[in-house]
PDB file of N, CA and C in Angstrom:
ATOM      1  N   MET A   1       0.782  -1.180   0.000  1.00  0.00           N
ATOM      2  CA  MET A   1       0.056   0.050   0.010  1.00  0.00           C
ATOM      3  C   MET A   1       0.741   0.970  -0.006  1.00  0.00           C
ATOM      4  N   ALA A   2       2.085   1.197   0.777  1.00  0.00           N
ATOM      5  CA  ALA A   2       3.036   2.482   0.855  1.00  0.00           C
ATOM      6  C   ALA A   2       3.410   2.803  -0.740  1.00  0.00           C
ATOM      7  N   GLY A   3       3.663   1.859  -1.742  1.00  0.00           N
ATOM      8  CA  GLY A   3       3.926   2.294  -2.940  1.00  0.00           C
ATOM      9  C   GLY A   3       2.760   2.907  -3.704  1.00  0.00           C
ATOM     10  N   PHE A   4       1.766   2.348  -3.682  1.00  0.00           N
ATOM     11  CA  PHE A   4       0.377   3.021  -3.917  1.00  0.00           C
ATOM     12  C   PHE A   4       0.241   4.261  -3.713  1.00  0.00           C
ATOM     13  N   PHE A   5       0.365   4.463  -2.354  1.00  0.00           N
ATOM     14  CA  PHE A   5       0.317   5.957  -1.980  1.00  0.00           C
ATOM     15  C   PHE A   5       1.111   6.920  -2.376  1.00  0.00           C
ATOM     16  N   GLU A   6       2.508   6.491  -2.381  1.00  0.00           N
ATOM     17  CA  GLU A   6       3.454   7.231  -3.086  1.00  0.00           C
ATOM     18  C   GLU A   6       3.137   7.537  -4.529  1.00  0.00           C
ATOM     19  N   ASN A   7       2.508   6.580  -5.335  1.00  0.00           N
ATOM     20  CA  ASN A   7       2.204   6.862  -6.703  1.00  0.00           C
ATOM     21  C   ASN A   7       1.043   7.842  -6.856  1.00  0.00           C
ATOM     22  N   LEU A   8       0.193   7.877  -5.841  1.00  0.00           N
ATOM     23  CA  LEU A   8      -0.938   8.892  -5.806  1.00  0.00           C
ATOM     24  C   LEU A   8      -0.444  10.216  -5.543  1.00  0.00           C
ATOM     25  N   ALA A   9       0.404  10.298  -4.712  1.00  0.00           N
ATOM     26  CA  ALA A   9       1.331  11.506  -4.524  1.00  0.00           C
ATOM     27  C   ALA A   9       1.963  12.095  -5.691  1.00  0.00           C
ATOM     28  N   LEU A  10       2.455  11.287  -6.475  1.00  0.00           N
ATOM     29  CA  LEU A  10       3.205  11.704  -7.649  1.00  0.00           C
ATOM     30  C   LEU A  10       2.112  12.067  -8.622  1.00  0.00           C
ATOM     31  N   LYS A  11       0.740  11.376  -8.656  1.00  0.00           N
ATOM     32  CA  LYS A  11      -0.064  11.761  -9.801  1.00  0.00           C
ATOM     33  C   LYS A  11      -0.598  13.009  -9.485  1.00  0.00           C
ATOM     34  N   TYR A  12      -1.047  13.525  -8.058  1.00  0.00           N
ATOM     35  CA  TYR A  12      -1.670  14.586  -7.796  1.00  0.00           C
ATOM     36  C   TYR A  12      -0.670  15.528  -7.144  1.00  0.00           C
ATOM     37  N   PRO A  13       0.355  16.053  -7.648  1.00  0.00           N
ATOM     38  CA  PRO A  13       1.105  16.990  -7.181  1.00  0.00           C
ATOM     39  C   PRO A  13       0.887  18.335  -6.312  1.00  0.00           C
ATOM     40  N   HIS A  14      -0.495  18.643  -6.621  1.00  0.00           N
ATOM     41  CA  HIS A  14      -1.118  19.826  -6.037  1.00  0.00           C
ATOM     42  C   HIS A  14      -1.709  19.439  -4.677  1.00  0.00           C
ATOM     43  N   ILE A  15      -1.811  18.056  -4.271  1.00  0.00           N
ATOM     44  CA  ILE A  15      -2.213  17.669  -3.047  1.00  0.00           C
ATOM     45  C   ILE A  15      -1.255  17.223  -2.300  1.00  0.00           C
ATOM     46  N   LEU A  16      -1.102  17.808  -1.007  1.00  0.00           N
ATOM     47  CA  LEU A  16      -0.153  17.450  -0.140  1.00  0.00           C
ATOM     48  C   LEU A  16      -0.299  15.877   0.519  1.00  0.00           C
ATOM     49  N   PHE A  17       0.304  15.076   0.444  1.00  0.00           N
ATOM     50  CA  PHE A  17       0.111  13.686   0.941  1.00  0.00           C
ATOM     51  C   PHE A  17       1.283  13.659   2.219  1.00  0.00           C
ATOM     52  N   LEU A  18       0.868  13.198   3.238  1.00  0.00           N
ATOM     53  CA  LEU A  18       1.413  12.851   4.334  1.00  0.00           C
ATOM     54  C   LEU A  18       1.221  11.540   4.994  1.00  0.00           C
ATOM     55  N   LEU A  19       2.279  10.962   5.485  1.00  0.00           N
ATOM     56  CA  LEU A  19       2.272   9.749   6.226  1.00  0.00           C
ATOM     57  C   LEU A  19       2.743   9.951   7.753  1.00  0.00           C
ATOM     58  N   VAL A  20       1.664   9.602   8.552  1.00  0.00           N
ATOM     59  CA  VAL A  20       1.856   9.777   9.934  1.00  0.00           C
ATOM     60  C   VAL A  20       1.898   8.366  10.876  1.00  0.00           C
ATOM     61  N   ASP A  21       2.880   8.267  11.579  1.00  0.00           N
ATOM     62  CA  ASP A  21       2.887   7.066  12.342  1.00  0.00           C
ATOM     63  C   ASP A  21       2.364   7.418  13.740  1.00  0.00           C
ATOM     64  N   VAL A  22       1.013   6.821  13.950  1.00  0.00           N
ATOM     65  CA  VAL A  22       0.493   7.390  15.188  1.00  0.00           C
ATOM     66  C   VAL A  22       1.374   6.970  16.529  1.00  0.00           C
ATOM     67  N   ASP A  23       1.738   6.025  16.291  1.00  0.00           N
ATOM     68  CA  ASP A  23       2.849   5.512  17.639  1.00  0.00           C
ATOM     69  C   ASP A  23       3.953   6.411  17.835  1.00  0.00           C
ATOM     70  N   GLU A  24       4.112   6.990  16.724  1.00  0.00           N
ATOM     71  CA  GLU A  24       5.482   8.315  17.031  1.00  0.00           C
ATOM     72  C   GLU A  24       4.891   9.293  17.214  1.00  0.00           C
ATOM     73  N   VAL A  25       3.765  10.044  16.790  1.00  0.00           N
ATOM     74  CA  VAL A  25       3.305  11.198  16.941  1.00  0.00           C
ATOM     75  C   VAL A  25       1.908  11.104  17.748  1.00  0.00           C
ATOM     76  N   LYS A  26       2.209  10.915  19.105  1.00  0.00           N
ATOM     77  CA  LYS A  26       1.292  10.852  20.133  1.00  0.00           C
ATOM     78  C   LYS A  26      -0.055  11.851  19.966  1.00  0.00           C
ATOM     79  N   GLY A  27      -1.020  11.322  20.108  1.00  0.00           N
ATOM     80  CA  GLY A  27      -2.378  12.316  20.364  1.00  0.00           C
ATOM     81  C   GLY A  27      -2.971  12.359  18.894  1.00  0.00           C
ATOM     82  N   VAL A  28      -2.263  11.976  17.799  1.00  0.00           N
ATOM     83  CA  VAL A  28      -2.806  12.085  16.357  1.00  0.00           C
ATOM     84  C   VAL A  28      -4.077  11.098  16.477  1.00  0.00           C
ATOM     85  N   LYS A  29      -3.645   9.782  16.889  1.00  0.00           N
ATOM     86  CA  LYS A  29      -4.865   8.822  16.706  1.00  0.00           C
ATOM     87  C   LYS A  29      -6.056   9.283  17.455  1.00  0.00           C
ATOM     88  N   ASP A  30      -6.088   9.815  18.717  1.00  0.00           N
ATOM     89  CA  ASP A  30      -7.358  10.047  19.362  1.00  0.00           C
ATOM     90  C   ASP A  30      -8.063  11.502  18.595  1.00  0.00           C
ATOM     91  N   LYS A  31      -7.091  12.359  18.482  1.00  0.00           N
ATOM     92  CA  LYS A  31      -7.604  13.916  17.622  1.00  0.00           C
ATOM     93  C   LYS A  31      -8.497  13.463  16.443  1.00  0.00           C
ATOM     94  N   MET A  32      -7.759  12.539  15.597  1.00  0.00           N
ATOM     95  CA  MET A  32      -8.202  12.332  14.395  1.00  0.00           C
ATOM     96  C   MET A  32      -9.124  10.981  14.251  1.00  0.00           C
ATOM     97  N   ASP A  33      -9.586  10.482  15.402  1.00  0.00           N
ATOM     98  CA  ASP A  33     -10.387   9.260  15.613  1.00  0.00           C
ATOM     99  C   ASP A  33      -9.972   8.163  14.658  1.00  0.00           C
ATOM    100  N   VAL A  34      -8.601   7.925  14.612  1.00  0.00           N
ATOM    101  CA  VAL A  34      -8.178   6.472  13.927  1.00  0.00           C
ATOM    102  C   VAL A  34      -8.346   5.577  14.925  1.00  0.00           C
ATOM    103  N   LYS A  35      -8.962   4.421  14.247  1.00  0.00           N
ATOM    104  CA  LYS A  35      -9.402   3.164  14.885  1.00  0.00           C
ATOM    105  C   LYS A  35      -8.573   1.946  14.520  1.00  0.00           C
ATOM    106  N   ALA A  36      -8.430   2.082  13.277  1.00  0.00           N
ATOM    107  CA  ALA A  36      -7.734   0.886  12.517  1.00  0.00           C
ATOM    108  C   ALA A  36      -6.602   1.554  11.629  1.00  0.00           C
ATOM    109  N   MET A  37      -5.650   0.519  11.257  1.00  0.00           N
ATOM    110  CA  MET A  37      -4.707   1.132  10.049  1.00  0.00           C
ATOM    111  C   MET A  37      -4.586   0.104   8.821  1.00  0.00           C
ATOM    112  N   PRO A  38      -4.682   0.975   7.785  1.00  0.00           N
ATOM    113  CA  PRO A  38      -4.307   2.214   7.518  1.00  0.00           C
ATOM    114  C   PRO A  38      -5.699   2.928   7.493  1.00  0.00           C
ATOM    115  N   THR A  39      -5.612   4.342   7.993  1.00  0.00           N
ATOM    116  CA  THR A  39      -6.776   5.308   7.769  1.00  0.00           C
ATOM    117  C   THR A  39      -6.193   6.369   7.090  1.00  0.00           C
ATOM    118  N   PHE A  40      -6.923   6.740   5.851  1.00  0.00           N
ATOM    119  CA  PHE A  40      -6.618   7.713   4.926  1.00  0.00           C
ATOM    120  C   PHE A  40      -7.531   8.693   5.379  1.00  0.00           C
ATOM    121  N   LEU A  41      -7.191  10.280   5.717  1.00  0.00           N
ATOM    122  CA  LEU A  41      -8.160  11.338   5.882  1.00  0.00           C
ATOM    123  C   LEU A  41      -7.696  12.331   4.777  1.00  0.00           C
ATOM    124  N   LEU A  42      -8.948  12.831   4.227  1.00  0.00           N
ATOM    125  CA  LEU A  42      -8.744  13.661   3.294  1.00  0.00           C
ATOM    126  C   LEU A  42      -9.315  15.142   3.773  1.00  0.00           C
ATOM    127  N   MET A  43      -8.371  15.970   3.914  1.00  0.00           N
ATOM    128  CA  MET A  43      -8.526  17.333   4.733  1.00  0.00           C
ATOM    129  C   MET A  43      -8.420  18.523   3.592  1.00  0.00           C
ATOM    130  N   LYS A  44      -9.548  19.390   3.853  1.00  0.00           N
ATOM    131  CA  LYS A  44      -9.151  20.665   3.225  1.00  0.00           C
ATOM    132  C   LYS A  44      -9.662  21.821   4.099  1.00  0.00           C
ATOM    133  N   ASP A  45      -8.609  22.874   4.040  1.00  0.00           N
ATOM    134  CA  ASP A  45      -8.800  23.814   5.047  1.00  0.00           C
ATOM    135  C   ASP A  45      -9.134  23.514   6.441  1.00  0.00           C
ATOM    136  N   ASN A  46      -8.215  22.511   6.922  1.00  0.00           N
ATOM    137  CA  ASN A  46      -8.018  21.750   8.246  1.00  0.00           C
ATOM    138  C   ASN A  46      -9.460  21.137   8.748  1.00  0.00           C
ATOM    139  N   VAL A  47     -10.342  20.895   7.602  1.00  0.00           N
ATOM    140  CA  VAL A  47     -11.416  20.145   7.939  1.00  0.00           C
ATOM    141  C   VAL A  47     -11.404  18.875   7.191  1.00  0.00           C
ATOM    142  N   GLN A  48     -11.841  17.726   7.809  1.00  0.00           N
ATOM    143  CA  GLN A  48     -11.897  16.323   7.198  1.00  0.00           C
ATOM    144  C   GLN A  48     -13.088  16.245   6.271  1.00  0.00           C
ATOM    145  N   VAL A  49     -12.732  16.179   4.957  1.00  0.00           N
ATOM    146  CA  VAL A  49     -14.009  15.951   4.057  1.00  0.00           C
ATOM    147  C   VAL A  49     -14.190  14.443   3.827  1.00  0.00           C
ATOM    148  N   ASP A  50     -13.285  13.633   3.912  1.00  0.00           N
ATOM    149  CA  ASP A  50     -13.378  12.243   3.845  1.00  0.00           C
ATOM    150  C   ASP A  50     -12.634  11.360   4.554  1.00  0.00           C
ATOM    151  N   LYS A  51     -12.978   9.898   4.718  1.00  0.00           N
ATOM    152  CA  LYS A  51     -12.230   9.012   5.573  1.00  0.00           C
ATOM    153  C   LYS A  51     -12.197   8.048   4.946  1.00  0.00           C
ATOM    154  N   ILE A  52     -11.084   7.040   4.710  1.00  0.00           N
ATOM    155  CA  ILE A  52     -11.075   5.700   4.213  1.00  0.00           C
ATOM    156  C   ILE A  52     -10.275   4.928   4.952  1.00  0.00           C
ATOM    157  N   VAL A  53     -10.919   3.910   5.608  1.00  0.00           N
ATOM    158  CA  VAL A  53     -10.178   2.933   6.591  1.00  0.00           C
ATOM    159  C   VAL A  53     -10.101   1.612   5.715  1.00  0.00           C
ATOM    160  N   GLY A  54      -8.721   1.082   6.065  1.00  0.00           N
ATOM    161  CA  GLY A  54      -8.511  -0.027   5.416  1.00  0.00           C
ATOM    162  C   GLY A  54      -7.566   0.237   4.100  1.00  0.00           C
ATOM    163  N   ALA A  55      -7.063  -1.014   3.775  1.00  0.00           N
ATOM    164  CA  ALA A  55      -6.227  -0.772   2.373  1.00  0.00           C
ATOM    165  C   ALA A  55      -6.741  -1.115   1.150  1.00  0.00           C
ATOM    166  N   ASN A  56      -7.743  -0.438   0.886  1.00  0.00           N
ATOM    167  CA  ASN A  56      -8.597  -0.637  -0.427  1.00  0.00           C
ATOM    168  C   ASN A  56      -8.126   0.208  -1.474  1.00  0.00           C
ATOM    169  N   ALA A  57      -7.125  -0.144  -2.337  1.00  0.00           N
ATOM    170  CA  ALA A  57      -6.418   0.853  -3.319  1.00  0.00           C
ATOM    171  C   ALA A  57      -7.443   1.297  -4.133  1.00  0.00           C
ATOM    172  N   ASP A  58      -8.634   0.644  -4.712  1.00  0.00           N
ATOM    173  CA  ASP A  58      -9.351   1.118  -5.672  1.00  0.00           C
ATOM    174  C   ASP A  58     -10.505   2.191  -4.963  1.00  0.00           C
ATOM    175  N   GLU A  59     -10.656   2.181  -3.733  1.00  0.00           N
ATOM    176  CA  GLU A  59     -11.495   3.074  -3.198  1.00  0.00           C
ATOM    177  C   GLU A  59     -10.579   4.478  -3.101  1.00  0.00           C
ATOM    178  N   LEU A  60      -9.718   4.126  -2.660  1.00  0.00           N
ATOM    179  CA  LEU A  60      -8.756   5.203  -2.238  1.00  0.00           C
ATOM    180  C   LEU A  60      -8.245   6.140  -3.483  1.00  0.00           C
ATOM    181  N   GLN A  61      -8.072   5.405  -4.578  1.00  0.00           N
ATOM    182  CA  GLN A  61      -8.036   6.242  -5.664  1.00  0.00           C
ATOM    183  C   GLN A  61      -9.152   6.868  -6.230  1.00  0.00           C
ATOM    184  N   LYS A  62     -10.242   6.374  -6.001  1.00  0.00           N
ATOM    185  CA  LYS A  62     -11.421   6.693  -6.513  1.00  0.00           C
ATOM    186  C   LYS A  62     -11.831   8.067  -5.598  1.00  0.00           C
ATOM    187  N   ARG A  63     -11.706   7.950  -4.398  1.00  0.00           N
ATOM    188  CA  ARG A  63     -11.857   9.203  -3.472  1.00  0.00           C
ATOM    189  C   ARG A  63     -10.897  10.249  -3.461  1.00  0.00           C
ATOM    190  N   VAL A  64      -9.726   9.905  -3.882  1.00  0.00           N
ATOM    191  CA  VAL A  64      -8.533  11.091  -4.059  1.00  0.00           C
ATOM    192  C   VAL A  64      -8.956  11.557  -5.451  1.00  0.00           C
ATOM    193  N   ALA A  65      -9.239  10.872  -6.435  1.00  0.00           N
ATOM    194  CA  ALA A  65      -9.691  11.519  -7.757  1.00  0.00           C
ATOM    195  C   ALA A  65     -10.960  12.646  -7.574  1.00  0.00           C
ATOM    196  N   ALA A  66     -11.926  12.131  -6.727  1.00  0.00           N
ATOM    197  CA  ALA A  66     -12.934  13.115  -6.480  1.00  0.00           C
ATOM    198  C   ALA A  66     -12.321  14.274  -5.513  1.00  0.00           C
ATOM    199  N   PHE A  67     -11.546  14.019  -4.736  1.00  0.00           N
ATOM    200  CA  PHE A  67     -10.905  14.936  -3.730  1.00  0.00           C
ATOM    201  C   PHE A  67     -10.307  16.148  -4.653  1.00  0.00           C
ATOM    202  N   ALA A  68      -9.724  15.493  -5.662  1.00  0.00           N
ATOM    203  CA  ALA A  68      -8.540  16.218  -6.596  1.00  0.00           C
ATOM    204  C   ALA A  68      -9.548  17.200  -7.369  1.00  0.00           C
ATOM    205  N   GLN A  69     -10.784  17.010  -7.549  1.00  0.00           N
ATOM    206  CA  GLN A  69     -11.664  17.769  -8.472  1.00  0.00           C
ATOM    207  C   GLN A  69     -12.523  19.194  -7.497  1.00  0.00           C
ATOM    208  N   MET A  70     -12.243  18.996  -6.328  1.00  0.00           N
ATOM    209  CA  MET A  70     -12.732  19.940  -5.267  1.00  0.00           C
ATOM    210  C   MET A  70     -12.174  21.267  -5.823  1.00  0.00           C
ATOM    211  N   PRO A  71     -12.717  22.365  -5.823  1.00  0.00           N
ATOM    212  CA  PRO A  71     -12.488  23.768  -6.020  1.00  0.00           C
ATOM    213  C   PRO A  71     -11.291  24.000  -4.956  1.00  0.00           C
ATOM    214  N   ARG A  72     -10.280  24.796  -5.373  1.00  0.00           N
ATOM    215  CA  ARG A  72      -9.438  25.333  -4.710  1.00  0.00           C
ATOM    216  C   ARG A  72      -9.545  26.771  -4.247  1.00  0.00           C
ATOM    217  N   GLN A  73      -9.400  26.847  -2.963  1.00  0.00           N
ATOM    218  CA  GLN A  73      -9.601  28.452  -2.686  1.00  0.00           C
ATOM    219  C   GLN A  73      -8.510  29.325  -3.167  1.00  0.00           C
ATOM    220  N   SER A  74      -8.889  30.323  -3.691  1.00  0.00           N
ATOM    221  CA  SER A  74      -7.758  31.240  -4.171  1.00  0.00           C
ATOM    222  C   SER A  74      -7.366  32.216  -2.904  1.00  0.00           C
ATOM    223  N   ALA A  75      -6.260  32.980  -2.719  1.00  0.00           N
ATOM    224  CA  ALA A  75      -5.859  33.781  -1.891  1.00  0.00           C
ATOM    225  C   ALA A  75      -7.007  35.041  -1.729  1.00  0.00           C
ATOM    226  N   GLN A  76      -7.561  35.295  -2.995  1.00  0.00           N
ATOM    227  CA  GLN A  76      -8.541  36.336  -2.654  1.00  0.00           C
ATOM    228  C   GLN A  76      -9.855  35.841  -1.940  1.00  0.00           C
ATOM    229  N   ASP A  77     -10.258  34.549  -2.182  1.00  0.00           N
ATOM    230  CA  ASP A  77     -11.182  33.848  -1.349  1.00  0.00           C
ATOM    231  C   ASP A  77     -11.040  33.803   0.062  1.00  0.00           C
ATOM    232  N   GLN A  78      -9.670  33.628   0.471  1.00  0.00           N
ATOM    233  CA  GLN A  78      -9.469  33.501   1.684  1.00  0.00           C
ATOM    234  C   GLN A  78      -9.396  34.794   2.659  1.00  0.00           C
ATOM    235  N   ALA A  79      -9.277  35.827   1.919  1.00  0.00           N
ATOM    236  CA  ALA A  79      -9.424  37.163   2.458  1.00  0.00           C
ATOM    237  C   ALA A  79     -10.756  37.587   3.100  1.00  0.00           C
TER     238      ALA A  79
END
């Protein structure tokens, strides 16, 4: 799954992909309500917009593709 995740990051360079080890970064597991590994969280403007639990490459691909189509805020929109 790690290789697949890396390939997604290459395919969608405008999306920031992060790998977080919840055993190393204390508090993330509880704060983000992670109950199983792997868990993929899709975040926009610090808000979770989707969550995929489990190593389902097809589902992850589909959801990331949909996420990539979400409009990005311009600097003007943020002001």
